Amino acid sequence: MRDFQQFEWDASVDADCRAIIRLAIAEDLGQQQDWTTVALVPADRQGAANVVTREAGIVAGMPAVAAVIEEMKSQLKASPTSADGERVEPGATLVRLQGNVRDLLTLERTLLNLLSRLMGIATLASQYVAEVAGTSAKVYDTRKTTPGWRRLEKYAARCGGASNHRMGLYDAVLIKDNHLAQRGSAASDAADAVRDVRSFLKNQQDQTDLVVEIEVDTLDQFAAVLPAKPDIVLLDNLPPAMLRKAVKMRDETAPEIQLEASGGVNLQTLREIAETGVERISVGALTHSARSLDIGLDWQTV
């Protein structure tokens, strides 16, 4: 089965994380310092604190702890007690921090914001994945991500068990309604668009292996595009009855083509969509509607 890049915590994700951390440092400190902490805490004071989740969820972003410490040039030792992808209950310690108290207090909010956001996405993704258990469908994220956070948010979705759709405009072809609209409105034009893309890619060095996907929103469009053999057809906003018809049509004429459902997908509609037989369900809500998990810093006695 052709698929998109699936994100792990690699050099590219780490680099994006560090860029976000540097922006967060600039937001919090500017060119100055944490005046509250400097006024109240001696420069050499040592201490320890635990990063603790206040609610159940899926861990995501543990490598970000070391990145925050390094980017803030902190004198802290981090001892993780949880791993990415692990389910934790309220009160669970994620990581223990020990060292200079000024450093600990200054980086607190940057670290908590990162982990709260990533764990919120991972936790929501895990709920969607649980809903499709036992079906042939996999849950995919989308490009509806926070600007600058895409690799991190896609990584978090993976921690929750979801799959990654294309990273950006550069690593797959997805012919959408507006691409077709500027060419004309005939149903057969969808097939022509796929053929034109295939022909174009043949002349592009190192791009012949790109996944080619096309979005359709009627069964007439769908029937017309099947002979062009895209890798994936995205069925946009089709009700379950029509999705089942599309699956049957595909099975009879082009079983190698993958089908993706999108539009109007939430935890209440997901199971019925998954049971139609589509292989993929893309869910923008994984990233654009995830609520940050409640995570706090609890002071400890050294």
Protein backbone atom coordinates (compact mmCIF):
# COMPACT_ATOMS: atom_id res chain seq x y z
CA MET A 1 0.00 0.00 0.00
CA ARG A 2 1.40 3.41 -1.00
CA ASP A 3 1.50 5.82 1.88
CA PHE A 4 2.89 9.10 3.13
CA GLN A 5 5.88 9.73 5.37
CA GLN A 6 5.20 8.64 8.94
CA PHE A 7 6.82 10.88 11.54
CA GLU A 8 9.16 9.80 14.29
CA TRP A 9 11.18 12.12 16.52
CA ASP A 10 14.09 12.68 14.13
CA ALA A 11 16.45 15.54 13.34
CA SER A 12 13.80 17.47 11.40
CA VAL A 13 11.24 17.27 14.21
CA ASP A 14 13.89 18.21 16.77
CA ALA A 15 14.97 21.21 14.68
CA ASP A 16 11.38 22.48 14.46
CA CYS A 17 10.96 21.97 18.19
CA ARG A 18 14.06 24.01 18.93
CA ALA A 19 12.91 26.82 16.64
CA ILE A 20 9.61 26.98 18.53
CA ILE A 21 11.47 26.94 21.85
CA ARG A 22 13.67 29.85 20.76
CA LEU A 23 10.56 31.81 19.82
CA ALA A 24 9.00 30.96 23.19
CA ILE A 25 12.13 32.15 25.00
CA ALA A 26 11.96 35.45 23.09
CA GLU A 27 8.28 35.80 24.01
CA ASP A 28 8.91 35.15 27.71
CA LEU A 29 12.23 36.88 28.29
CA GLY A 30 12.83 39.29 25.42
CA GLN A 31 16.39 40.51 25.87
CA GLN A 32 15.96 40.63 29.64
CA GLN A 33 15.33 38.03 32.36
CA ASP A 34 12.78 36.55 34.75
CA TRP A 35 12.64 39.45 37.19
CA THR A 36 10.35 37.66 39.68
CA THR A 37 12.70 34.70 39.99
CA VAL A 38 15.87 36.80 40.07
CA ALA A 39 14.39 38.96 42.84
CA LEU A 40 13.31 36.03 45.02
CA VAL A 41 15.72 33.15 44.35
CA PRO A 42 19.45 33.14 45.15
CA ALA A 43 21.57 32.40 42.07
CA ASP A 44 23.01 29.18 43.53
CA ARG A 45 19.84 27.65 45.02
CA GLN A 46 19.20 24.01 44.05
CA GLY A 47 15.84 22.24 43.91
CA ALA A 48 13.68 19.64 42.21
CA ALA A 49 10.23 19.47 40.69
CA ASN A 50 8.11 16.90 38.87
CA VAL A 51 6.19 17.54 35.68
CA VAL A 52 2.83 15.92 36.45
CA THR A 53 -0.29 15.33 34.38
CA ARG A 54 -3.52 16.40 36.05
CA GLU A 55 -5.66 14.22 33.77
CA ALA A 56 -5.46 10.96 31.88
CA GLY A 57 -3.87 11.04 28.46
CA ILE A 58 -1.22 9.87 26.01
CA VAL A 59 2.36 10.97 26.48
CA ALA A 60 3.97 12.91 23.61
CA GLY A 61 7.00 15.17 23.40
CA MET A 62 9.40 13.73 25.94
CA PRO A 63 12.41 14.54 23.71
CA ALA A 64 11.35 18.19 23.93
CA VAL A 65 12.39 18.25 27.59
CA ALA A 66 16.08 17.98 26.75
CA ALA A 67 15.63 20.48 23.92
CA VAL A 68 14.10 23.09 26.26
CA ILE A 69 16.88 22.63 28.80
CA GLU A 70 19.58 22.95 26.15
CA GLU A 71 18.06 25.90 24.30
CA MET A 72 17.61 27.81 27.57
CA LYS A 73 21.18 26.94 28.57
CA SER A 74 19.86 25.60 31.85
CA GLN A 75 21.77 23.76 34.56
CA LEU A 76 19.15 21.06 35.04
CA LYS A 77 19.08 17.27 35.00
CA ALA A 78 15.97 15.65 33.52
CA SER A 79 14.90 12.13 34.48
CA PRO A 80 11.93 11.01 32.37
CA THR A 81 9.57 8.51 33.98
CA SER A 82 7.17 8.16 31.05
CA ALA A 83 7.65 7.42 27.35
CA ASP A 84 5.95 8.80 24.25
CA GLY A 85 2.89 6.77 23.29
CA GLU A 86 2.30 5.59 26.86
CA ARG A 87 -1.09 6.05 28.47
CA VAL A 88 -0.93 7.78 31.86
CA GLU A 89 -3.45 8.44 34.59
CA PRO A 90 -4.06 11.67 36.56
CA GLY A 91 -1.19 12.38 38.93
CA ALA A 92 1.41 10.52 36.87
CA THR A 93 4.90 12.02 36.84
CA LEU A 94 6.22 12.55 33.32
CA VAL A 95 9.71 13.77 34.16
CA ARG A 96 11.68 14.81 37.24
CA LEU A 97 13.77 17.98 36.98
CA GLN A 98 16.60 18.76 39.35
CA GLY A 99 19.16 21.53 39.51
CA ASN A 100 19.33 25.31 39.60
CA VAL A 101 16.03 26.73 40.85
CA ARG A 102 16.25 29.90 38.78
CA ASP A 103 16.56 27.81 35.63
CA LEU A 104 13.73 25.55 36.67
CA LEU A 105 11.30 28.37 37.33
CA THR A 106 12.26 30.27 34.18
CA LEU A 107 11.70 27.40 31.77
CA GLU A 108 8.54 26.05 33.48
CA ARG A 109 5.91 27.61 31.23
CA THR A 110 7.74 26.96 27.95
CA LEU A 111 8.09 23.28 28.82
CA LEU A 112 4.53 22.86 30.07
CA ASN A 113 3.07 24.60 27.02
CA LEU A 114 4.93 22.27 24.67
CA LEU A 115 3.99 19.08 26.47
CA SER A 116 0.38 20.17 27.07
CA ARG A 117 -0.17 20.86 23.37
CA LEU A 118 1.49 17.69 22.11
CA MET A 119 -0.18 15.44 24.67
CA GLY A 120 -3.55 17.00 23.92
CA ILE A 121 -3.19 16.03 20.26
CA ALA A 122 -1.93 12.54 21.09
CA THR A 123 -4.80 11.98 23.51
CA LEU A 124 -7.47 13.11 21.06
CA ALA A 125 -5.88 11.01 18.29
CA SER A 126 -6.02 7.93 20.51
CA GLN A 127 -9.77 8.43 20.99
CA TYR A 128 -10.35 8.52 17.24
CA VAL A 129 -8.14 5.49 16.68
CA ALA A 130 -10.08 3.54 19.32
CA GLU A 131 -13.33 4.26 17.48
CA VAL A 132 -12.18 2.51 14.29
CA ALA A 133 -10.83 -0.60 16.01
CA GLY A 134 -11.87 -3.78 14.22
CA THR A 135 -12.48 -2.07 10.86
CA SER A 136 -10.20 -1.75 7.83
CA ALA A 137 -9.93 2.01 8.27
CA LYS A 138 -6.97 4.01 9.57
CA VAL A 139 -7.25 7.53 10.96
CA TYR A 140 -5.07 10.18 9.28
CA ASP A 141 -4.20 13.73 10.27
CA THR A 142 -4.27 16.68 7.81
CA ARG A 143 -2.43 19.92 7.02
CA LYS A 144 -4.82 21.83 9.30
CA THR A 145 -2.00 22.43 11.76
CA THR A 146 -0.61 25.34 13.75
CA PRO A 147 1.85 27.27 11.53
CA GLY A 148 5.38 26.21 12.44
CA TRP A 149 4.20 23.24 14.50
CA ARG A 150 3.31 20.81 11.70
CA ARG A 151 6.05 18.21 12.22
CA LEU A 152 5.55 18.31 15.98
CA GLU A 153 1.78 18.02 15.73
CA LYS A 154 2.01 15.18 13.22
CA TYR A 155 4.48 13.43 15.52
CA ALA A 156 2.00 13.85 18.39
CA ALA A 157 -0.80 12.37 16.28
CA ARG A 158 1.43 9.36 15.68
CA CYS A 159 2.02 9.01 19.43
CA GLY A 160 -1.75 8.66 19.74
CA GLY A 161 -1.85 5.90 17.13
CA ALA A 162 -3.01 7.93 14.12
CA SER A 163 -1.29 7.91 10.73
CA ASN A 164 0.25 10.90 8.99
CA HIS A 165 -1.15 12.32 5.77
CA ARG A 166 1.18 14.33 3.52
CA MET A 167 3.53 16.73 5.26
CA GLY A 168 3.09 19.57 2.78
CA LEU A 169 2.51 20.55 -0.80
CA TYR A 170 5.90 19.17 -1.82
CA ASP A 171 5.73 15.48 -0.87
CA ALA A 172 2.53 14.26 -2.55
CA VAL A 173 0.02 15.29 -5.20
CA LEU A 174 -3.50 16.01 -3.99
CA ILE A 175 -5.80 17.32 -6.72
CA LYS A 176 -8.55 19.22 -4.94
CA ASP A 177 -11.81 20.82 -6.03
CA ASN A 178 -10.25 24.20 -6.75
CA HIS A 179 -7.58 22.62 -8.94
CA LEU A 180 -10.41 21.11 -10.98
CA ALA A 181 -12.58 24.24 -10.86
CA GLN A 182 -10.01 26.29 -12.76
CA ARG A 183 -9.88 23.57 -15.46
CA GLY A 184 -13.64 23.13 -15.93
CA SER A 185 -16.51 21.36 -14.23
CA ALA A 186 -17.03 18.20 -16.31
CA ALA A 187 -16.91 14.99 -14.30
CA SER A 188 -14.47 13.48 -16.80
CA ASP A 189 -11.99 16.28 -16.14
CA ALA A 190 -11.02 14.61 -12.88
CA ALA A 191 -9.59 11.68 -14.81
CA ASP A 192 -7.83 14.03 -17.23
CA ALA A 193 -6.26 15.85 -14.30
CA VAL A 194 -4.82 12.59 -12.92
CA ARG A 195 -3.41 11.68 -16.33
CA ASP A 196 -1.92 15.15 -16.77
CA VAL A 197 -0.23 14.89 -13.38
CA ARG A 198 1.18 11.45 -14.18
CA SER A 199 2.51 12.74 -17.49
CA PHE A 200 4.07 15.79 -15.85
CA LEU A 201 5.77 13.78 -13.10
CA LYS A 202 7.43 11.48 -15.62
CA ASN A 203 9.57 14.45 -16.66
CA GLN A 204 10.39 15.58 -13.13
CA GLN A 205 13.59 14.07 -11.76
CA ASP A 206 13.11 12.18 -8.46
CA GLN A 207 9.35 12.90 -8.38
CA THR A 208 8.00 9.86 -10.20
CA ASP A 209 7.21 8.08 -6.91
CA LEU A 210 4.95 10.78 -5.47
CA VAL A 211 1.59 9.53 -4.25
CA VAL A 212 -1.16 10.87 -6.51
CA GLU A 213 -4.49 11.52 -4.81
CA ILE A 214 -7.60 13.26 -6.09
CA GLU A 215 -10.63 14.68 -4.28
CA VAL A 216 -14.13 14.05 -5.63
CA ASP A 217 -17.50 14.96 -4.19
CA THR A 218 -19.95 13.02 -6.37
CA LEU A 219 -20.25 9.41 -7.45
CA ASP A 220 -20.25 10.54 -11.08
CA GLN A 221 -16.82 12.14 -10.56
CA PHE A 222 -15.69 9.03 -8.74
CA ALA A 223 -16.77 6.69 -11.53
CA ALA A 224 -15.05 8.90 -14.11
CA VAL A 225 -11.74 9.02 -12.24
CA LEU A 226 -11.34 5.29 -11.52
CA PRO A 227 -9.96 4.39 -14.99
CA ALA A 228 -7.15 6.95 -14.52
CA LYS A 229 -5.87 4.89 -11.56
CA PRO A 230 -4.88 7.47 -8.95
CA ASP A 231 -3.24 5.96 -5.87
CA ILE A 232 -5.94 7.35 -3.59
CA VAL A 233 -9.37 8.89 -4.13
CA LEU A 234 -10.55 11.26 -1.42
CA LEU A 235 -14.35 11.11 -1.06
CA ASP A 236 -15.29 14.49 0.33
CA ASN A 237 -18.42 14.92 2.43
CA LEU A 238 -20.18 11.84 1.07
CA PRO A 239 -22.72 10.23 3.44
CA PRO A 240 -22.12 6.63 4.54
CA ALA A 241 -24.59 5.18 2.02
CA MET A 242 -22.69 6.79 -0.84
CA LEU A 243 -19.35 5.75 0.64
CA ARG A 244 -20.53 2.13 0.60
CA LYS A 245 -21.50 2.48 -3.06
CA ALA A 246 -18.08 3.93 -3.83
CA VAL A 247 -16.36 1.04 -2.08
CA LYS A 248 -18.41 -1.46 -4.11
CA MET A 249 -17.61 0.37 -7.36
CA ARG A 250 -13.92 0.43 -6.51
CA ASP A 251 -13.84 -3.25 -5.54
CA GLU A 252 -15.40 -4.22 -8.86
CA THR A 253 -13.22 -2.10 -11.16
CA ALA A 254 -10.00 -0.94 -9.48
CA PRO A 255 -9.38 -2.74 -6.15
CA GLU A 256 -5.81 -1.41 -5.93
CA ILE A 257 -7.04 2.16 -5.41
CA GLN A 258 -7.26 3.29 -1.78
CA LEU A 259 -10.31 5.25 -0.63
CA GLU A 260 -10.19 8.10 1.86
CA ALA A 261 -13.23 9.69 3.50
CA SER A 262 -13.16 13.25 4.79
CA GLY A 263 -15.52 16.01 5.84
CA GLY A 264 -17.87 16.07 8.80
CA VAL A 265 -15.80 13.52 10.68
CA ASN A 266 -16.08 13.56 14.47
CA LEU A 267 -16.21 11.00 17.25
CA GLN A 268 -19.96 10.58 16.75
CA THR A 269 -19.79 9.94 12.99
CA LEU A 270 -16.46 8.14 12.75
CA ARG A 271 -17.52 4.56 13.42
CA GLU A 272 -20.25 4.55 10.77
CA ILE A 273 -17.81 5.96 8.23
CA ALA A 274 -15.18 3.35 9.11
CA GLU A 275 -17.69 0.54 8.67
CA THR A 276 -18.34 1.50 5.03
CA GLY A 277 -15.08 -0.18 3.99
CA VAL A 278 -12.88 2.85 3.21
CA GLU A 279 -9.23 2.39 4.09
CA ARG A 280 -8.51 5.94 5.25
CA ILE A 281 -10.35 8.62 7.18
CA SER A 282 -8.73 12.06 7.39
CA VAL A 283 -9.60 14.12 10.45
CA GLY A 284 -8.61 17.78 10.67
CA ALA A 285 -9.88 17.89 14.25
CA LEU A 286 -6.89 15.88 15.46
CA THR A 287 -4.82 19.04 15.27
CA HIS A 288 -7.14 22.01 14.78
CA SER A 289 -9.51 21.09 17.62
CA ALA A 290 -7.31 19.30 20.16
CA ARG A 291 -7.49 20.67 23.70
CA SER A 292 -4.21 21.03 25.55
CA LEU A 293 -3.85 18.52 28.36
CA ASP A 294 -3.67 19.88 31.91
CA ILE A 295 -0.05 19.47 33.02
CA GLY A 296 1.63 21.11 36.00
CA LEU A 297 4.90 21.43 37.87
CA ASP A 298 4.95 20.14 41.46
CA TRP A 299 7.78 21.21 43.74
CA GLN A 300 9.66 18.40 45.46
CA THR A 301 11.91 18.13 48.51
CA VAL A 302 15.46 17.40 47.32
